[in-house]
Amino acid sequence: RLGQVLLRKGLIKEEELAQVLADQQHAELVRPKQLEI
């Protein structure tokens, strides 16, 4: 996936990618480490 390529090449931070993907897909962004499982 393009996002994985960009991360691997260090062109974008993972937090930035997650937020942009959320905006692109009109999806709600959650942080697993803050969730009650």
PDB file of all heavy atoms in Angstrom:
ATOM      1  N   ARG A   1       0.842  -1.187   0.000  1.00  0.00           N
ATOM      2  CA  ARG A   1       0.000   0.000   0.000  1.00  0.00           C
ATOM      3  C   ARG A   1       0.883   1.245   0.000  1.00  0.00           C
ATOM      4  O   ARG A   1       1.981   1.252   0.557  1.00  0.00           O
ATOM      5  CB  ARG A   1      -0.917  -0.002   1.227  1.00  0.00           C
ATOM      6  CG  ARG A   1      -1.935  -1.139   1.200  1.00  0.00           C
ATOM      7  CD  ARG A   1      -2.797  -1.121   2.449  1.00  0.00           C
ATOM      8  NE  ARG A   1      -3.719  -2.250   2.487  1.00  0.00           N
ATOM      9  CZ  ARG A   1      -4.951  -2.224   1.974  1.00  0.00           C
ATOM     10  NH1 ARG A   1      -5.395  -1.133   1.390  1.00  0.00           N
ATOM     11  NH2 ARG A   1      -5.718  -3.285   2.042  1.00  0.00           N
ATOM     12  N   LEU A   2       0.356   2.321  -0.600  1.00  0.00           N
ATOM     13  CA  LEU A   2       1.140   3.543  -0.729  1.00  0.00           C
ATOM     14  C   LEU A   2       1.556   4.082   0.634  1.00  0.00           C
ATOM     15  O   LEU A   2       2.688   4.546   0.816  1.00  0.00           O
ATOM     16  CB  LEU A   2       0.337   4.599  -1.490  1.00  0.00           C
ATOM     17  CG  LEU A   2       1.020   5.960  -1.683  1.00  0.00           C
ATOM     18  CD1 LEU A   2       2.315   5.801  -2.463  1.00  0.00           C
ATOM     19  CD2 LEU A   2       0.092   6.939  -2.373  1.00  0.00           C
ATOM     20  N   GLY A   3       0.646   4.011   1.608  1.00  0.00           N
ATOM     21  CA  GLY A   3       0.976   4.500   2.942  1.00  0.00           C
ATOM     22  C   GLY A   3       2.163   3.788   3.543  1.00  0.00           C
ATOM     23  O   GLY A   3       3.034   4.416   4.160  1.00  0.00           O
ATOM     24  N   GLN A   4       2.232   2.462   3.375  1.00  0.00           N
ATOM     25  CA  GLN A   4       3.356   1.705   3.903  1.00  0.00           C
ATOM     26  C   GLN A   4       4.666   2.081   3.219  1.00  0.00           C
ATOM     27  O   GLN A   4       5.715   2.143   3.857  1.00  0.00           O
ATOM     28  CB  GLN A   4       3.093   0.197   3.737  1.00  0.00           C
ATOM     29  CG  GLN A   4       1.971  -0.325   4.606  1.00  0.00           C
ATOM     30  CD  GLN A   4       2.245  -0.097   6.079  1.00  0.00           C
ATOM     31  OE1 GLN A   4       3.329  -0.368   6.573  1.00  0.00           O
ATOM     32  NE2 GLN A   4       1.245   0.422   6.791  1.00  0.00           N
ATOM     33  N   VAL A   5       4.602   2.342   1.917  1.00  0.00           N
ATOM     34  CA  VAL A   5       5.801   2.771   1.195  1.00  0.00           C
ATOM     35  C   VAL A   5       6.293   4.107   1.728  1.00  0.00           C
ATOM     36  O   VAL A   5       7.489   4.307   1.967  1.00  0.00           O
ATOM     37  CB  VAL A   5       5.516   2.858  -0.317  1.00  0.00           C
ATOM     38  CG1 VAL A   5       6.725   3.426  -1.065  1.00  0.00           C
ATOM     39  CG2 VAL A   5       5.162   1.484  -0.877  1.00  0.00           C
ATOM     40  N   LEU A   6       5.364   5.040   1.933  1.00  0.00           N
ATOM     41  CA  LEU A   6       5.744   6.367   2.435  1.00  0.00           C
ATOM     42  C   LEU A   6       6.341   6.286   3.830  1.00  0.00           C
ATOM     43  O   LEU A   6       7.299   6.995   4.155  1.00  0.00           O
ATOM     44  CB  LEU A   6       4.516   7.275   2.436  1.00  0.00           C
ATOM     45  CG  LEU A   6       3.942   7.623   1.057  1.00  0.00           C
ATOM     46  CD1 LEU A   6       2.594   8.317   1.197  1.00  0.00           C
ATOM     47  CD2 LEU A   6       4.907   8.503   0.278  1.00  0.00           C
ATOM     48  N   LEU A   7       5.763   5.422   4.683  1.00  0.00           N
ATOM     49  CA  LEU A   7       6.320   5.238   6.025  1.00  0.00           C
ATOM     50  C   LEU A   7       7.717   4.661   5.959  1.00  0.00           C
ATOM     51  O   LEU A   7       8.633   5.102   6.660  1.00  0.00           O
ATOM     52  CB  LEU A   7       5.415   4.313   6.844  1.00  0.00           C
ATOM     53  CG  LEU A   7       4.086   4.886   7.351  1.00  0.00           C
ATOM     54  CD1 LEU A   7       3.264   3.791   8.013  1.00  0.00           C
ATOM     55  CD2 LEU A   7       4.340   6.015   8.334  1.00  0.00           C
ATOM     56  N   ARG A   8       7.890   3.640   5.118  1.00  0.00           N
ATOM     57  CA  ARG A   8       9.177   2.967   5.012  1.00  0.00           C
ATOM     58  C   ARG A   8      10.266   3.923   4.529  1.00  0.00           C
ATOM     59  O   ARG A   8      11.418   3.835   4.953  1.00  0.00           O
ATOM     60  CB  ARG A   8       9.039   1.772   4.076  1.00  0.00           C
ATOM     61  CG  ARG A   8      10.254   0.885   4.015  1.00  0.00           C
ATOM     62  CD  ARG A   8       9.924  -0.457   3.402  1.00  0.00           C
ATOM     63  NE  ARG A   8       9.419  -0.367   2.045  1.00  0.00           N
ATOM     64  CZ  ARG A   8       8.220  -0.801   1.663  1.00  0.00           C
ATOM     65  NH1 ARG A   8       7.388  -1.339   2.526  1.00  0.00           N
ATOM     66  NH2 ARG A   8       7.834  -0.700   0.401  1.00  0.00           N
ATOM     67  N   LYS A   9       9.887   4.840   3.655  1.00  0.00           N
ATOM     68  CA  LYS A   9      10.858   5.783   3.118  1.00  0.00           C
ATOM     69  C   LYS A   9      11.046   6.995   4.028  1.00  0.00           C
ATOM     70  O   LYS A   9      11.871   7.864   3.744  1.00  0.00           O
ATOM     71  CB  LYS A   9      10.416   6.247   1.719  1.00  0.00           C
ATOM     72  CG  LYS A   9      10.343   5.120   0.694  1.00  0.00           C
ATOM     73  CD  LYS A   9       9.813   5.598  -0.638  1.00  0.00           C
ATOM     74  CE  LYS A   9      10.875   6.341  -1.416  1.00  0.00           C
ATOM     75  NZ  LYS A   9      12.001   5.497  -1.813  1.00  0.00           N
ATOM     76  N   GLY A  10      10.287   7.040   5.124  1.00  0.00           N
ATOM     77  CA  GLY A  10      10.438   8.135   6.066  1.00  0.00           C
ATOM     78  C   GLY A  10       9.902   9.461   5.555  1.00  0.00           C
ATOM     79  O   GLY A  10      10.281  10.529   6.055  1.00  0.00           O
ATOM     80  N   LEU A  11       8.989   9.425   4.577  1.00  0.00           N
ATOM     81  CA  LEU A  11       8.455  10.658   4.008  1.00  0.00           C
ATOM     82  C   LEU A  11       7.308  11.232   4.816  1.00  0.00           C
ATOM     83  O   LEU A  11       6.903  12.382   4.590  1.00  0.00           O
ATOM     84  CB  LEU A  11       7.996  10.399   2.558  1.00  0.00           C
ATOM     85  CG  LEU A  11       9.103   9.980   1.591  1.00  0.00           C
ATOM     86  CD1 LEU A  11       8.535   9.656   0.224  1.00  0.00           C
ATOM     87  CD2 LEU A  11      10.152  11.085   1.480  1.00  0.00           C
ATOM     88  N   ILE A  12       6.751  10.442   5.735  1.00  0.00           N
ATOM     89  CA  ILE A  12       5.638  10.909   6.538  1.00  0.00           C
ATOM     90  C   ILE A  12       5.631  10.129   7.848  1.00  0.00           C
ATOM     91  O   ILE A  12       6.071   8.977   7.901  1.00  0.00           O
ATOM     92  CB  ILE A  12       4.289  10.726   5.788  1.00  0.00           C
ATOM     93  CG1 ILE A  12       3.156  11.435   6.527  1.00  0.00           C
ATOM     94  CG2 ILE A  12       3.978   9.256   5.568  1.00  0.00           C
ATOM     95  CD1 ILE A  12       1.862  11.467   5.739  1.00  0.00           C
ATOM     96  N   LYS A  13       5.169  10.755   8.917  1.00  0.00           N
ATOM     97  CA  LYS A  13       5.038  10.090  10.202  1.00  0.00           C
ATOM     98  C   LYS A  13       3.740   9.290  10.242  1.00  0.00           C
ATOM     99  O   LYS A  13       2.765   9.629   9.568  1.00  0.00           O
ATOM    100  CB  LYS A  13       5.042  11.118  11.339  1.00  0.00           C
ATOM    101  CG  LYS A  13       6.319  11.925  11.452  1.00  0.00           C
ATOM    102  CD  LYS A  13       7.458  11.096  11.983  1.00  0.00           C
ATOM    103  CE  LYS A  13       8.694  11.954  12.246  1.00  0.00           C
ATOM    104  NZ  LYS A  13       9.831  11.151  12.739  1.00  0.00           N
ATOM    105  N   GLU A  14       3.733   8.226  11.057  1.00  0.00           N
ATOM    106  CA  GLU A  14       2.554   7.369  11.109  1.00  0.00           C
ATOM    107  C   GLU A  14       1.324   8.126  11.605  1.00  0.00           C
ATOM    108  O   GLU A  14       0.211   7.924  11.106  1.00  0.00           O
ATOM    109  CB  GLU A  14       2.813   6.157  12.006  1.00  0.00           C
ATOM    110  CG  GLU A  14       1.692   5.136  11.949  1.00  0.00           C
ATOM    111  CD  GLU A  14       2.028   3.854  12.683  1.00  0.00           C
ATOM    112  OE1 GLU A  14       2.713   3.933  13.714  1.00  0.00           O
ATOM    113  OE2 GLU A  14       1.593   2.792  12.230  1.00  0.00           O
ATOM    114  N   GLU A  15       1.500   9.028  12.597  1.00  0.00           N
ATOM    115  CA  GLU A  15       0.364   9.795  13.108  1.00  0.00           C
ATOM    116  C   GLU A  15      -0.211  10.693  12.023  1.00  0.00           C
ATOM    117  O   GLU A  15      -1.437  10.832  11.899  1.00  0.00           O
ATOM    118  CB  GLU A  15       0.792  10.646  14.312  1.00  0.00           C
ATOM    119  CG  GLU A  15       1.222   9.840  15.533  1.00  0.00           C
ATOM    120  CD  GLU A  15       2.633   9.290  15.404  1.00  0.00           C
ATOM    121  OE1 GLU A  15       3.329   9.645  14.419  1.00  0.00           O
ATOM    122  OE2 GLU A  15       3.038   8.494  16.269  1.00  0.00           O
ATOM    123  N   GLU A  16       0.661  11.310  11.209  1.00  0.00           N
ATOM    124  CA  GLU A  16       0.203  12.157  10.112  1.00  0.00           C
ATOM    125  C   GLU A  16      -0.554  11.338   9.075  1.00  0.00           C
ATOM    126  O   GLU A  16      -1.611  11.755   8.584  1.00  0.00           O
ATOM    127  CB  GLU A  16       1.392  12.843   9.450  1.00  0.00           C
ATOM    128  CG  GLU A  16       2.144  13.811  10.338  1.00  0.00           C
ATOM    129  CD  GLU A  16       3.375  14.369   9.651  1.00  0.00           C
ATOM    130  OE1 GLU A  16       4.138  13.573   9.070  1.00  0.00           O
ATOM    131  OE2 GLU A  16       3.557  15.578   9.685  1.00  0.00           O
ATOM    132  N   LEU A  17      -0.016  10.170   8.746  1.00  0.00           N
ATOM    133  CA  LEU A  17      -0.664   9.316   7.755  1.00  0.00           C
ATOM    134  C   LEU A  17      -2.054   8.897   8.230  1.00  0.00           C
ATOM    135  O   LEU A  17      -3.020   8.927   7.466  1.00  0.00           O
ATOM    136  CB  LEU A  17       0.195   8.083   7.494  1.00  0.00           C
ATOM    137  CG  LEU A  17      -0.416   7.040   6.537  1.00  0.00           C
ATOM    138  CD1 LEU A  17      -0.627   7.641   5.147  1.00  0.00           C
ATOM    139  CD2 LEU A  17       0.467   5.803   6.447  1.00  0.00           C
ATOM    140  N   ALA A  18      -2.158   8.519   9.511  1.00  0.00           N
ATOM    141  CA  ALA A  18      -3.445   8.085  10.042  1.00  0.00           C
ATOM    142  C   ALA A  18      -4.483   9.198   9.944  1.00  0.00           C
ATOM    143  O   ALA A  18      -5.637   8.971   9.561  1.00  0.00           O
ATOM    144  CB  ALA A  18      -3.289   7.627  11.486  1.00  0.00           C
ATOM    145  N   GLN A  19      -4.084  10.425  10.270  1.00  0.00           N
ATOM    146  CA  GLN A  19      -5.029  11.533  10.222  1.00  0.00           C
ATOM    147  C   GLN A  19      -5.458  11.847   8.791  1.00  0.00           C
ATOM    148  O   GLN A  19      -6.632  12.114   8.522  1.00  0.00           O
ATOM    149  CB  GLN A  19      -4.410  12.777  10.866  1.00  0.00           C
ATOM    150  CG  GLN A  19      -5.393  13.934  11.043  1.00  0.00           C
ATOM    151  CD  GLN A  19      -6.588  13.534  11.884  1.00  0.00           C
ATOM    152  OE1 GLN A  19      -6.448  13.192  13.056  1.00  0.00           O
ATOM    153  NE2 GLN A  19      -7.779  13.577  11.296  1.00  0.00           N
ATOM    154  N   VAL A  20      -4.502  11.817   7.852  1.00  0.00           N
ATOM    155  CA  VAL A  20      -4.831  12.087   6.451  1.00  0.00           C
ATOM    156  C   VAL A  20      -5.756  10.999   5.907  1.00  0.00           C
ATOM    157  O   VAL A  20      -6.705  11.281   5.172  1.00  0.00           O
ATOM    158  CB  VAL A  20      -3.546  12.194   5.606  1.00  0.00           C
ATOM    159  CG1 VAL A  20      -3.876  12.283   4.119  1.00  0.00           C
ATOM    160  CG2 VAL A  20      -2.737  13.415   6.036  1.00  0.00           C
ATOM    161  N   LEU A  21      -5.483   9.736   6.263  1.00  0.00           N
ATOM    162  CA  LEU A  21      -6.362   8.643   5.825  1.00  0.00           C
ATOM    163  C   LEU A  21      -7.766   8.823   6.389  1.00  0.00           C
ATOM    164  O   LEU A  21      -8.763   8.563   5.699  1.00  0.00           O
ATOM    165  CB  LEU A  21      -5.781   7.295   6.270  1.00  0.00           C
ATOM    166  CG  LEU A  21      -4.586   6.768   5.478  1.00  0.00           C
ATOM    167  CD1 LEU A  21      -3.992   5.544   6.164  1.00  0.00           C
ATOM    168  CD2 LEU A  21      -4.987   6.417   4.050  1.00  0.00           C
ATOM    169  N   ALA A  22      -7.845   9.270   7.645  1.00  0.00           N
ATOM    170  CA  ALA A  22      -9.157   9.500   8.250  1.00  0.00           C
ATOM    171  C   ALA A  22      -9.912  10.578   7.496  1.00  0.00           C
ATOM    172  O   ALA A  22     -11.121  10.446   7.222  1.00  0.00           O
ATOM    173  CB  ALA A  22      -8.982   9.886   9.717  1.00  0.00           C
ATOM    174  N   ASP A  23      -9.235  11.651   7.139  1.00  0.00           N
ATOM    175  CA  ASP A  23      -9.872  12.725   6.374  1.00  0.00           C
ATOM    176  C   ASP A  23     -10.287  12.244   4.988  1.00  0.00           C
ATOM    177  O   ASP A  23     -11.376  12.562   4.499  1.00  0.00           O
ATOM    178  CB  ASP A  23      -8.920  13.915   6.249  1.00  0.00           C
ATOM    179  CG  ASP A  23      -8.624  14.561   7.596  1.00  0.00           C
ATOM    180  OD1 ASP A  23      -9.417  14.354   8.532  1.00  0.00           O
ATOM    181  OD2 ASP A  23      -7.586  15.246   7.714  1.00  0.00           O
ATOM    182  N   GLN A  24      -9.387  11.465   4.346  1.00  0.00           N
ATOM    183  CA  GLN A  24      -9.662  10.997   2.987  1.00  0.00           C
ATOM    184  C   GLN A  24     -10.861  10.065   2.949  1.00  0.00           C
ATOM    185  O   GLN A  24     -11.699  10.148   2.053  1.00  0.00           O
ATOM    186  CB  GLN A  24      -8.425  10.282   2.430  1.00  0.00           C
ATOM    187  CG  GLN A  24      -8.620   9.744   1.010  1.00  0.00           C
ATOM    188  CD  GLN A  24      -7.783   8.504   0.741  1.00  0.00           C
ATOM    189  OE1 GLN A  24      -7.453   7.759   1.669  1.00  0.00           O
ATOM    190  NE2 GLN A  24      -7.449   8.266  -0.512  1.00  0.00           N
ATOM    191  N   GLN A  25     -10.935   9.160   3.932  1.00  0.00           N
ATOM    192  CA  GLN A  25     -11.972   8.131   3.928  1.00  0.00           C
ATOM    193  C   GLN A  25     -13.193   8.520   4.760  1.00  0.00           C
ATOM    194  O   GLN A  25     -14.113   7.722   4.918  1.00  0.00           O
ATOM    195  CB  GLN A  25     -11.379   6.819   4.455  1.00  0.00           C
ATOM    196  CG  GLN A  25     -10.216   6.310   3.632  1.00  0.00           C
ATOM    197  CD  GLN A  25      -9.537   5.092   4.240  1.00  0.00           C
ATOM    198  OE1 GLN A  25     -10.089   4.430   5.109  1.00  0.00           O
ATOM    199  NE2 GLN A  25      -8.325   4.788   3.769  1.00  0.00           N
ATOM    200  N   HIS A  26     -13.173   9.743   5.294  1.00  0.00           N
ATOM    201  CA  HIS A  26     -14.273  10.205   6.148  1.00  0.00           C
ATOM    202  C   HIS A  26     -14.522   9.190   7.264  1.00  0.00           C
ATOM    203  O   HIS A  26     -15.660   8.860   7.594  1.00  0.00           O
ATOM    204  CB  HIS A  26     -15.557  10.410   5.327  1.00  0.00           C
ATOM    205  CG  HIS A  26     -15.355  11.296   4.133  1.00  0.00           C
ATOM    206  ND1 HIS A  26     -15.120  12.655   4.231  1.00  0.00           N
ATOM    207  CD2 HIS A  26     -15.336  11.011   2.798  1.00  0.00           C
ATOM    208  CE1 HIS A  26     -14.969  13.167   3.023  1.00  0.00           C
ATOM    209  NE2 HIS A  26     -15.089  12.193   2.140  1.00  0.00           N
ATOM    210  N   ALA A  27     -13.418   8.698   7.840  1.00  0.00           N
ATOM    211  CA  ALA A  27     -13.495   7.670   8.882  1.00  0.00           C
ATOM    212  C   ALA A  27     -13.095   8.276  10.223  1.00  0.00           C
ATOM    213  O   ALA A  27     -12.318   9.226  10.290  1.00  0.00           O
ATOM    214  CB  ALA A  27     -12.575   6.505   8.546  1.00  0.00           C
ATOM    215  N   GLU A  28     -13.639   7.697  11.285  1.00  0.00           N
ATOM    216  CA  GLU A  28     -13.273   8.130  12.622  1.00  0.00           C
ATOM    217  C   GLU A  28     -11.941   7.508  13.011  1.00  0.00           C
ATOM    218  O   GLU A  28     -11.738   6.303  12.863  1.00  0.00           O
ATOM    219  CB  GLU A  28     -14.354   7.729  13.628  1.00  0.00           C
ATOM    220  CG  GLU A  28     -14.042   8.166  15.052  1.00  0.00           C
ATOM    221  CD  GLU A  28     -15.065   7.689  16.051  1.00  0.00           C
ATOM    222  OE1 GLU A  28     -16.139   7.214  15.624  1.00  0.00           O
ATOM    223  OE2 GLU A  28     -14.794   7.782  17.264  1.00  0.00           O
ATOM    224  N   LEU A  29     -11.041   8.341  13.527  1.00  0.00           N
ATOM    225  CA  LEU A  29      -9.721   7.868  13.939  1.00  0.00           C
ATOM    226  C   LEU A  29      -9.745   7.529  15.419  1.00  0.00           C
ATOM    227  O   LEU A  29     -10.136   8.358  16.244  1.00  0.00           O
ATOM    228  CB  LEU A  29      -8.667   8.943  13.670  1.00  0.00           C
ATOM    229  CG  LEU A  29      -7.235   8.633  14.119  1.00  0.00           C
ATOM    230  CD1 LEU A  29      -6.680   7.445  13.362  1.00  0.00           C
ATOM    231  CD2 LEU A  29      -6.341   9.860  13.932  1.00  0.00           C
ATOM    232  N   VAL A  30      -9.337   6.307  15.768  1.00  0.00           N
ATOM    233  CA  VAL A  30      -9.252   5.900  17.168  1.00  0.00           C
ATOM    234  C   VAL A  30      -7.812   5.516  17.470  1.00  0.00           C
ATOM    235  O   VAL A  30      -7.054   5.152  16.575  1.00  0.00           O
ATOM    236  CB  VAL A  30     -10.192   4.721  17.484  1.00  0.00           C
ATOM    237  CG1 VAL A  30     -11.644   5.111  17.276  1.00  0.00           C
ATOM    238  CG2 VAL A  30      -9.838   3.488  16.647  1.00  0.00           C
ATOM    239  N   ARG A  31      -7.436   5.602  18.742  1.00  0.00           N
ATOM    240  CA  ARG A  31      -6.089   5.229  19.168  1.00  0.00           C
ATOM    241  C   ARG A  31      -6.198   3.986  20.027  1.00  0.00           C
ATOM    242  O   ARG A  31      -6.675   4.044  21.171  1.00  0.00           O
ATOM    243  CB  ARG A  31      -5.437   6.366  19.956  1.00  0.00           C
ATOM    244  CG  ARG A  31      -5.393   7.693  19.219  1.00  0.00           C
ATOM    245  CD  ARG A  31      -4.778   7.567  17.836  1.00  0.00           C
ATOM    246  NE  ARG A  31      -3.406   7.177  17.857  1.00  0.00           N
ATOM    247  CZ  ARG A  31      -2.391   8.019  17.724  1.00  0.00           C
ATOM    248  NH1 ARG A  31      -2.621   9.318  17.561  1.00  0.00           N
ATOM    249  NH2 ARG A  31      -1.143   7.583  17.734  1.00  0.00           N
ATOM    250  N   PRO A  32      -5.805   2.824  19.518  1.00  0.00           N
ATOM    251  CA  PRO A  32      -5.961   1.557  20.247  1.00  0.00           C
ATOM    252  C   PRO A  32      -5.417   1.569  21.666  1.00  0.00           C
ATOM    253  O   PRO A  32      -5.995   0.943  22.558  1.00  0.00           O
ATOM    254  CB  PRO A  32      -5.201   0.573  19.360  1.00  0.00           C
ATOM    255  CG  PRO A  32      -5.351   1.131  17.988  1.00  0.00           C
ATOM    256  CD  PRO A  32      -5.275   2.623  18.174  1.00  0.00           C
ATOM    257  N   LYS A  33      -4.301   2.271  21.895  1.00  0.00           N
ATOM    258  CA  LYS A  33      -3.716   2.277  23.240  1.00  0.00           C
ATOM    259  C   LYS A  33      -4.595   3.004  24.254  1.00  0.00           C
ATOM    260  O   LYS A  33      -4.414   2.859  25.458  1.00  0.00           O
ATOM    261  CB  LYS A  33      -2.316   2.908  23.197  1.00  0.00           C
ATOM    262  CG  LYS A  33      -1.293   2.034  22.476  1.00  0.00           C
ATOM    263  CD  LYS A  33       0.114   2.544  22.651  1.00  0.00           C
ATOM    264  CE  LYS A  33       0.355   3.809  21.887  1.00  0.00           C
ATOM    265  NZ  LYS A  33       1.800   4.212  21.924  1.00  0.00           N
ATOM    266  N   GLN A  34      -5.554   3.806  23.759  1.00  0.00           N
ATOM    267  CA  GLN A  34      -6.452   4.537  24.643  1.00  0.00           C
ATOM    268  C   GLN A  34      -7.819   3.876  24.775  1.00  0.00           C
ATOM    269  O   GLN A  34      -8.682   4.372  25.495  1.00  0.00           O
ATOM    270  CB  GLN A  34      -6.617   5.972  24.135  1.00  0.00           C
ATOM    271  CG  GLN A  34      -5.309   6.750  24.053  1.00  0.00           C
ATOM    272  CD  GLN A  34      -5.459   8.077  23.347  1.00  0.00           C
ATOM    273  OE1 GLN A  34      -6.566   8.495  23.027  1.00  0.00           O
ATOM    274  NE2 GLN A  34      -4.331   8.754  23.101  1.00  0.00           N
ATOM    275  N   LEU A  35      -8.026   2.780  24.067  1.00  0.00           N
ATOM    276  CA  LEU A  35      -9.322   2.106  24.085  1.00  0.00           C
ATOM    277  C   LEU A  35      -9.417   1.116  25.239  1.00  0.00           C
ATOM    278  O   LEU A  35      -8.417   0.525  25.660  1.00  0.00           O
ATOM    279  CB  LEU A  35      -9.545   1.346  22.764  1.00  0.00           C
ATOM    280  CG  LEU A  35      -9.681   2.187  21.490  1.00  0.00           C
ATOM    281  CD1 LEU A  35      -9.714   1.260  20.272  1.00  0.00           C
ATOM    282  CD2 LEU A  35     -10.928   3.051  21.536  1.00  0.00           C
ATOM    283  N   GLU A  36     -10.615   0.928  25.724  1.00  0.00           N
ATOM    284  CA  GLU A  36     -10.886  -0.139  26.682  1.00  0.00           C
ATOM    285  C   GLU A  36     -11.309  -1.370  25.889  1.00  0.00           C
ATOM    286  O   GLU A  36     -12.345  -1.369  25.228  1.00  0.00           O
ATOM    287  CB  GLU A  36     -11.996   0.278  27.654  1.00  0.00           C
ATOM    288  CG  GLU A  36     -12.269  -0.763  28.735  1.00  0.00           C
ATOM    289  CD  GLU A  36     -13.301  -0.306  29.738  1.00  0.00           C
ATOM    290  OE1 GLU A  36     -13.591   0.907  29.791  1.00  0.00           O
ATOM    291  OE2 GLU A  36     -13.825  -1.179  30.467  1.00  0.00           O
ATOM    292  N   ILE A  37     -10.485  -2.402  25.912  1.00  0.00           N
ATOM    293  CA  ILE A  37     -10.707  -3.579  25.071  1.00  0.00           C
ATOM    294  C   ILE A  37     -11.636  -4.567  25.779  1.00  0.00           C
ATOM    295  O   ILE A  37     -11.360  -4.988  26.912  1.00  0.00           O
ATOM    296  CB  ILE A  37      -9.371  -4.271  24.725  1.00  0.00           C
ATOM    297  CG1 ILE A  37      -8.371  -3.252  24.169  1.00  0.00           C
ATOM    298  CG2 ILE A  37      -9.611  -5.407  23.735  1.00  0.00           C
ATOM    299  CD1 ILE A  37      -8.816  -2.560  22.904  1.00  0.00           C
TER     300      ILE A  37
END
